[in-house]
Amino acid sequence: MEAVGDQRKFVKFRSRWTLIVVAAAAVVATGIGLVNAANASYPLARNYAFTGLSSDWAVYDTTHSKAPSARVPSLVTVSGGALHVATVGAKGSGLCLCRNTGKPTKPYGRWDIRARASKNADHGFAMLLWPNAENWPVGGEIDLAEYPDAARSRVQATVHYGAKNREYVGFLSGSFTTWHTYSVVWTSTSITYSVDGRRFLTVHDRAAIPKGAMHLVLQAGANSGIRAAADTRATLDVDWVKVYR
């Protein structure tokens, strides 16, 4: 397990969680449906079960950052067969699948994550794909899951793209404090999001689809504009991660 600086510059955990689709002149197919086997045509490349933390992962260390939520390595732990990404007060944590063979060298693939999120009004979580080139927002961002409310009763998926950080956003209602499998299938022509095989957002706009390689990021932190109490804690638990490419 290696600690590194967080290069995401804390673009997540904004004070405004409920977003609006602001992309223009594009075709988006949204709706509920089942993701069929064709979407899983990428072969399984990596399968991470958390009896420990593989050297493919790097844990962020920005303990002394003045950003809204400094990343503290000690808040990333493994126990009980699961990965725990925690946030306490103003301290957050994060890690990326960005080392060794865990870091993709080409675009496209499928990512499946089995996870649950604890309730908390002051803290948020994000599971996302970030450009290897670190050229956000031009290089895009594919958010598998964020949680717009304290009860974790909705999950939000977002595609960020373009120099003006345009967005496509989809929501799915449910109880996300329990275990669910979050999936994204990213091809050269579409990005499809699903939870437990239930599709809730597909983006077909070619301009919005990233062209460069991206890696997985998991992070937790205090929501922007909120002074979380020092003893307030929230945790994203991850049972396993599978990568197909």
Protein backbone atom coordinates (compact mmCIF):
# COMPACT_ATOMS: atom_id res chain seq x y z
CA MET A 1 0.00 0.00 0.00
CA GLU A 2 1.55 3.26 -1.11
CA ALA A 3 0.58 6.77 -0.05
CA VAL A 4 0.65 9.44 -2.73
CA GLY A 5 -0.50 13.01 -3.19
CA ASP A 6 -4.10 13.46 -4.30
CA GLN A 7 -4.04 14.93 -7.80
CA ARG A 8 -7.79 15.33 -8.05
CA LYS A 9 -7.56 18.81 -6.53
CA PHE A 10 -10.74 18.10 -4.57
CA VAL A 11 -13.10 18.61 -7.46
CA LYS A 12 -15.64 16.39 -5.66
CA PHE A 13 -17.69 16.98 -2.51
CA ARG A 14 -19.30 20.16 -3.66
CA SER A 15 -21.87 21.92 -1.51
CA ARG A 16 -24.49 21.48 -4.25
CA TRP A 17 -25.13 17.75 -4.66
CA THR A 18 -28.31 17.79 -6.74
CA LEU A 19 -27.11 18.58 -10.24
CA ILE A 20 -28.86 19.37 -13.50
CA VAL A 21 -28.03 17.96 -16.92
CA VAL A 22 -26.40 20.93 -18.62
CA ALA A 23 -25.18 19.33 -21.83
CA ALA A 24 -26.75 20.67 -24.98
CA ALA A 25 -27.52 19.31 -28.44
CA ALA A 26 -26.85 15.67 -27.59
CA VAL A 27 -28.72 12.41 -27.61
CA VAL A 28 -29.04 10.68 -24.23
CA ALA A 29 -30.94 7.46 -23.68
CA THR A 30 -32.05 7.22 -20.08
CA GLY A 31 -34.36 4.78 -18.44
CA ILE A 32 -34.62 1.57 -16.49
CA GLY A 33 -33.70 -1.75 -18.04
CA LEU A 34 -31.50 -4.75 -17.50
CA VAL A 35 -27.90 -4.76 -18.67
CA ASN A 36 -27.52 -7.84 -20.83
CA ALA A 37 -24.54 -10.11 -21.29
CA ALA A 38 -23.37 -8.17 -24.35
CA ASN A 39 -22.35 -5.33 -22.07
CA ALA A 40 -19.97 -7.66 -20.27
CA SER A 41 -18.06 -8.61 -23.43
CA TYR A 42 -14.79 -7.25 -22.03
CA PRO A 43 -12.77 -10.07 -20.44
CA LEU A 44 -12.09 -9.98 -16.71
CA ALA A 45 -8.68 -8.35 -16.18
CA ARG A 46 -8.45 -7.83 -12.41
CA ASN A 47 -10.46 -9.11 -9.45
CA TYR A 48 -9.82 -7.48 -6.06
CA ALA A 49 -11.10 -9.15 -2.89
CA PHE A 50 -10.05 -7.33 0.25
CA THR A 51 -8.21 -9.73 2.50
CA GLY A 52 -5.48 -7.10 2.17
CA LEU A 53 -4.70 -4.22 -0.15
CA SER A 54 -2.97 -5.06 -3.43
CA SER A 55 0.07 -3.05 -4.51
CA ASP A 56 -2.04 -1.98 -7.51
CA TRP A 57 -3.73 0.52 -5.16
CA ALA A 58 -2.25 3.82 -3.99
CA VAL A 59 -3.63 5.57 -0.90
CA TYR A 60 -3.69 9.38 -0.96
CA ASP A 61 -1.83 11.44 1.61
CA THR A 62 -2.61 15.14 1.72
CA THR A 63 -2.85 15.28 5.51
CA HIS A 64 -1.74 18.89 5.71
CA SER A 65 -3.81 20.18 2.81
CA LYS A 66 -5.99 23.26 3.28
CA ALA A 67 -8.56 21.86 0.86
CA PRO A 68 -12.10 21.17 2.17
CA SER A 69 -11.17 17.61 3.08
CA ALA A 70 -7.56 16.53 3.56
CA ARG A 71 -6.84 12.88 2.64
CA VAL A 72 -5.49 10.95 5.63
CA PRO A 73 -3.98 7.49 4.88
CA SER A 74 -4.99 5.99 8.24
CA LEU A 75 -8.66 6.37 7.30
CA VAL A 76 -8.26 3.72 4.58
CA THR A 77 -8.37 0.30 6.21
CA VAL A 78 -9.08 -3.34 5.41
CA SER A 79 -10.90 -5.61 7.85
CA GLY A 80 -13.56 -8.28 7.84
CA GLY A 81 -12.94 -9.00 4.17
CA ALA A 82 -13.81 -5.45 3.09
CA LEU A 83 -12.12 -2.16 2.24
CA HIS A 84 -13.20 0.83 4.35
CA VAL A 85 -12.81 4.38 3.02
CA ALA A 86 -13.70 6.70 5.89
CA THR A 87 -14.12 10.39 6.63
CA VAL A 88 -14.05 11.94 10.12
CA GLY A 89 -14.80 15.60 10.77
CA ALA A 90 -12.86 17.63 8.21
CA LYS A 91 -10.58 14.70 7.39
CA GLY A 92 -11.24 12.51 4.39
CA SER A 93 -9.51 9.68 2.58
CA GLY A 94 -9.09 8.20 -0.86
CA LEU A 95 -7.21 5.75 -3.01
CA CYS A 96 -6.79 4.96 -6.67
CA LEU A 97 -6.31 1.82 -8.71
CA CYS A 98 -3.35 3.42 -10.44
CA ARG A 99 -0.25 1.33 -9.82
CA ASN A 100 1.38 -1.57 -11.67
CA THR A 101 -1.06 -3.65 -13.76
CA GLY A 102 -4.01 -2.03 -12.00
CA LYS A 103 -3.63 1.17 -14.02
CA PRO A 104 -5.16 0.85 -17.50
CA THR A 105 -3.04 1.95 -20.44
CA LYS A 106 -5.94 2.12 -22.91
CA PRO A 107 -9.48 3.52 -22.78
CA TYR A 108 -12.73 1.56 -22.40
CA GLY A 109 -13.83 -1.36 -20.28
CA ARG A 110 -16.19 -2.29 -17.50
CA TRP A 111 -15.86 -1.66 -13.76
CA ASP A 112 -18.02 -3.43 -11.14
CA ILE A 113 -17.92 -2.41 -7.47
CA ARG A 114 -19.78 -4.05 -4.59
CA ALA A 115 -20.25 -1.34 -1.96
CA ARG A 116 -22.44 0.28 0.68
CA ALA A 117 -22.49 3.83 2.08
CA SER A 118 -23.23 4.87 5.66
CA LYS A 119 -25.72 7.64 6.40
CA ASN A 120 -24.39 11.12 7.14
CA ALA A 121 -25.42 14.66 6.23
CA ASP A 122 -21.95 16.18 6.48
CA HIS A 123 -19.95 13.73 4.38
CA GLY A 124 -20.02 12.32 0.88
CA PHE A 125 -18.47 9.52 -1.16
CA ALA A 126 -17.48 9.14 -4.79
CA MET A 127 -16.54 6.16 -6.96
CA LEU A 128 -15.23 7.42 -10.28
CA LEU A 129 -12.90 7.04 -13.27
CA TRP A 130 -10.28 9.75 -13.59
CA PRO A 131 -8.07 10.51 -16.64
CA ASN A 132 -4.53 9.15 -16.47
CA ALA A 133 -3.37 12.33 -18.20
CA GLU A 134 -4.65 14.43 -15.24
CA ASN A 135 -6.25 16.78 -17.79
CA TRP A 136 -9.61 17.32 -16.10
CA PRO A 137 -12.11 18.49 -17.22
CA VAL A 138 -11.06 18.17 -20.88
CA GLY A 139 -10.05 14.54 -20.32
CA GLY A 140 -13.45 13.78 -18.79
CA GLU A 141 -14.64 12.08 -15.63
CA ILE A 142 -16.97 9.11 -15.25
CA ASP A 143 -18.67 9.01 -11.83
CA LEU A 144 -20.11 5.59 -11.01
CA ALA A 145 -21.74 6.70 -7.78
CA GLU A 146 -22.28 9.70 -5.55
CA TYR A 147 -25.03 10.11 -2.96
CA PRO A 148 -27.08 13.35 -3.06
CA ASP A 149 -28.75 12.96 0.36
CA ALA A 150 -27.84 12.06 3.92
CA ALA A 151 -30.11 9.00 3.98
CA ARG A 152 -28.35 7.51 0.91
CA SER A 153 -31.76 7.03 -0.72
CA ARG A 154 -30.54 8.00 -4.19
CA VAL A 155 -27.43 7.29 -6.20
CA GLN A 156 -26.15 9.75 -8.79
CA ALA A 157 -24.07 8.94 -11.88
CA THR A 158 -22.36 11.70 -13.86
CA VAL A 159 -20.35 12.08 -17.04
CA HIS A 160 -18.19 15.23 -17.00
CA TYR A 161 -16.70 16.43 -20.28
CA GLY A 162 -15.27 19.39 -22.15
CA ALA A 163 -13.39 22.51 -21.17
CA LYS A 164 -16.56 23.99 -19.63
CA ASN A 165 -17.16 20.86 -17.52
CA ARG A 166 -20.50 19.97 -19.05
CA GLU A 167 -22.40 17.12 -17.42
CA TYR A 168 -24.86 14.32 -18.03
CA VAL A 169 -26.50 13.15 -14.81
CA GLY A 170 -28.76 10.23 -13.88
CA PHE A 171 -30.38 9.17 -10.60
CA LEU A 172 -31.69 5.92 -9.17
CA SER A 173 -33.70 5.63 -5.95
CA GLY A 174 -33.12 2.89 -3.39
CA SER A 175 -31.55 2.09 -0.04
CA PHE A 176 -27.82 2.44 -0.62
CA THR A 177 -26.74 1.83 2.96
CA THR A 178 -26.99 -1.86 2.05
CA TRP A 179 -24.80 -3.79 -0.38
CA HIS A 180 -25.24 -3.12 -4.10
CA THR A 181 -23.17 -3.76 -7.22
CA TYR A 182 -22.39 -0.55 -9.14
CA SER A 183 -21.32 -0.95 -12.76
CA VAL A 184 -20.23 1.20 -15.65
CA VAL A 185 -19.59 -0.02 -19.20
CA TRP A 186 -17.52 2.44 -21.21
CA THR A 187 -17.13 1.94 -24.96
CA SER A 188 -16.15 4.19 -27.84
CA THR A 189 -19.84 4.91 -28.51
CA SER A 190 -21.57 4.90 -25.12
CA ILE A 191 -21.32 4.96 -21.32
CA THR A 192 -23.88 2.84 -19.48
CA TYR A 193 -24.50 2.88 -15.73
CA SER A 194 -26.34 0.23 -13.73
CA VAL A 195 -26.92 -0.90 -10.16
CA ASP A 196 -27.45 -4.63 -9.58
CA GLY A 197 -27.85 -5.01 -13.34
CA ARG A 198 -30.54 -2.32 -13.54
CA ARG A 199 -29.58 0.31 -16.10
CA PHE A 200 -30.50 3.89 -15.23
CA LEU A 201 -28.37 6.08 -17.51
CA THR A 202 -26.79 5.66 -20.94
CA VAL A 203 -24.92 8.46 -22.69
CA HIS A 204 -24.48 8.21 -26.48
CA ASP A 205 -23.06 11.67 -27.13
CA ARG A 206 -19.64 11.02 -28.74
CA ALA A 207 -18.40 14.43 -27.58
CA ALA A 208 -18.98 13.40 -23.96
CA ILE A 209 -17.17 10.06 -24.13
CA PRO A 210 -13.54 10.19 -22.92
CA LYS A 211 -10.93 9.06 -25.44
CA GLY A 212 -7.96 8.49 -23.12
CA ALA A 213 -7.18 5.87 -20.49
CA MET A 214 -8.74 6.32 -17.04
CA HIS A 215 -8.26 4.74 -13.62
CA LEU A 216 -10.59 4.02 -10.72
CA VAL A 217 -10.73 6.34 -7.69
CA LEU A 218 -12.59 5.82 -4.39
CA GLN A 219 -12.87 8.76 -2.01
CA ALA A 220 -14.65 10.09 1.06
CA GLY A 221 -14.74 13.56 2.56
CA ALA A 222 -16.67 16.39 4.16
CA ASN A 223 -19.09 18.16 1.84
CA SER A 224 -17.91 21.60 0.73
CA GLY A 225 -19.23 24.47 2.79
CA ILE A 226 -20.00 22.25 5.79
CA ARG A 227 -18.08 22.35 9.08
CA ALA A 228 -18.47 18.72 10.12
CA ALA A 229 -18.20 17.99 13.83
CA ALA A 230 -14.85 16.50 14.76
CA ASP A 231 -16.45 13.23 15.90
CA THR A 232 -18.76 12.85 12.88
CA ARG A 233 -17.80 9.78 10.88
CA ALA A 234 -19.00 8.13 7.66
CA THR A 235 -17.64 5.12 5.80
CA LEU A 236 -17.81 3.69 2.31
CA ASP A 237 -17.42 -0.10 2.58
CA VAL A 238 -16.25 -2.00 -0.50
CA ASP A 239 -16.61 -5.78 -0.69
CA TRP A 240 -14.86 -6.28 -4.04
CA VAL A 241 -13.85 -4.60 -7.29
CA LYS A 242 -13.75 -6.24 -10.72
CA VAL A 243 -12.21 -4.68 -13.82
CA TYR A 244 -12.92 -5.88 -17.36
CA ARG A 245 -10.98 -4.57 -20.32
